[in-house]
Amino acid sequence: MIRHARAFGRLTLRNSDRVGIAHLYFHSGKLAHIVSSSGGAEATLQDLRRWTHAALRFERGANVASVTITEREEQEFDELLLHLQRLGLAETLPMPRVVDGNVVR
């Protein structure tokens, strides 16, 4: 949905099974920056593959000063999304509405 809408903002994922948080920043629907408790972008993308439950929140308009994601990391992110779809997890995620940075169900 973020890519389709070409959204600007921050997707926050909180691991609900164990301690873990990841912030994925998007600029015009494209992954621009990652900050997480796992380390850098590559370590975060690998860690996200092991997550089974997460709470999601998208804050529209949150911005990052510069794009730090490499083309390789963008490809790894695409592979992660395909992995989630193959597991059937992407389709089962609740699709919250986002209103001024607050999740409304």
Protein backbone atom coordinates (compact mmCIF):
# COMPACT_ATOMS: atom_id res chain seq x y z
CA MET A 1 0.00 0.00 0.00
CA ILE A 2 2.87 2.39 0.82
CA ARG A 3 4.46 1.86 -2.58
CA HIS A 4 1.17 2.04 -4.46
CA ALA A 5 0.25 5.32 -2.74
CA ARG A 6 3.81 6.66 -3.22
CA ALA A 7 3.62 7.59 0.46
CA PHE A 8 6.09 9.57 2.53
CA GLY A 9 6.48 8.45 6.12
CA ARG A 10 7.75 5.99 8.71
CA LEU A 11 6.56 2.42 9.12
CA THR A 12 7.23 1.20 12.67
CA LEU A 13 7.23 -2.53 13.36
CA ARG A 14 7.32 -3.81 16.95
CA ASN A 15 8.04 -7.48 17.42
CA SER A 16 5.31 -8.88 19.66
CA ASP A 17 7.13 -12.19 20.36
CA ARG A 18 10.45 -10.80 21.57
CA VAL A 19 12.07 -7.41 22.03
CA GLY A 20 12.61 -5.75 18.68
CA ILE A 21 11.67 -2.61 16.81
CA ALA A 22 12.33 -1.39 13.29
CA HIS A 23 11.60 1.95 11.65
CA LEU A 24 11.42 1.93 7.85
CA TYR A 25 11.31 5.34 6.21
CA PHE A 26 9.72 5.78 2.79
CA HIS A 27 10.12 8.61 0.32
CA SER A 28 7.54 8.63 -2.48
CA GLY A 29 6.81 4.96 -1.78
CA LYS A 30 10.45 3.91 -2.00
CA LEU A 31 12.40 2.57 0.99
CA ALA A 32 14.85 5.32 1.96
CA HIS A 33 16.26 4.52 5.43
CA ILE A 34 16.11 1.89 8.18
CA VAL A 35 16.77 2.29 11.90
CA SER A 36 16.32 -0.64 14.26
CA SER A 37 17.37 -2.46 17.39
CA SER A 38 19.13 -5.01 15.13
CA GLY A 39 21.75 -2.70 13.70
CA GLY A 40 22.11 -1.49 10.13
CA ALA A 41 19.75 -1.95 7.23
CA GLU A 42 21.14 -5.31 6.09
CA ALA A 43 21.05 -6.78 9.63
CA THR A 44 17.51 -5.46 10.10
CA LEU A 45 16.25 -6.99 6.86
CA GLN A 46 17.73 -10.35 7.87
CA ASP A 47 16.22 -10.08 11.35
CA LEU A 48 12.77 -9.23 9.95
CA ARG A 49 12.76 -12.56 8.09
CA ARG A 50 12.60 -14.31 11.49
CA TRP A 51 9.73 -12.25 12.88
CA THR A 52 6.35 -13.98 13.12
CA HIS A 53 4.22 -11.33 14.86
CA ALA A 54 4.44 -7.56 14.82
CA ALA A 55 2.40 -4.49 15.58
CA LEU A 56 2.43 -1.97 12.73
CA ARG A 57 2.06 1.79 12.65
CA PHE A 58 2.56 4.13 9.70
CA GLU A 59 3.21 7.78 10.48
CA ARG A 60 2.46 9.78 7.38
CA GLY A 61 4.86 12.63 6.64
CA ALA A 62 7.72 11.47 8.91
CA ASN A 63 10.87 12.25 7.00
CA VAL A 64 14.53 11.32 6.99
CA ALA A 65 17.35 13.70 6.07
CA SER A 66 18.97 11.48 3.46
CA VAL A 67 18.49 8.25 1.55
CA THR A 68 20.82 5.59 2.95
CA ILE A 69 19.37 2.43 1.37
CA THR A 70 21.50 0.91 -1.35
CA GLU A 71 20.12 -0.77 -4.45
CA ARG A 72 21.15 -4.13 -2.95
CA GLU A 73 19.23 -3.41 0.27
CA GLU A 74 16.20 -2.34 -1.78
CA GLN A 75 16.37 -5.72 -3.55
CA GLU A 76 16.64 -7.50 -0.17
CA PHE A 77 13.54 -5.61 0.97
CA ASP A 78 11.69 -6.78 -2.16
CA GLU A 79 12.79 -10.35 -1.41
CA LEU A 80 11.55 -9.98 2.17
CA LEU A 81 8.12 -8.89 0.91
CA LEU A 82 7.99 -11.88 -1.46
CA HIS A 83 9.04 -14.17 1.41
CA LEU A 84 6.16 -12.85 3.56
CA GLN A 85 3.71 -13.32 0.70
CA ARG A 86 4.86 -16.92 0.13
CA LEU A 87 4.33 -17.64 3.83
CA GLY A 88 0.88 -16.09 3.58
CA LEU A 89 1.77 -13.48 6.20
CA ALA A 90 1.49 -10.40 4.01
CA GLU A 91 -2.16 -11.10 3.20
CA THR A 92 -3.11 -11.68 6.84
CA LEU A 93 -1.69 -8.42 8.18
CA PRO A 94 -4.39 -6.04 9.39
CA MET A 95 -4.64 -3.03 7.13
CA PRO A 96 -5.03 -0.04 9.46
CA ARG A 97 -6.09 3.36 8.26
CA VAL A 98 -3.57 6.09 9.00
CA VAL A 99 -4.82 9.50 10.00
CA ASP A 100 -2.21 12.17 10.73
CA GLY A 101 0.22 9.59 12.07
CA ASN A 102 -2.27 7.84 14.33
CA VAL A 103 -3.53 4.34 13.66
CA VAL A 104 -7.31 4.15 13.52
CA ARG A 105 -8.98 0.75 13.31
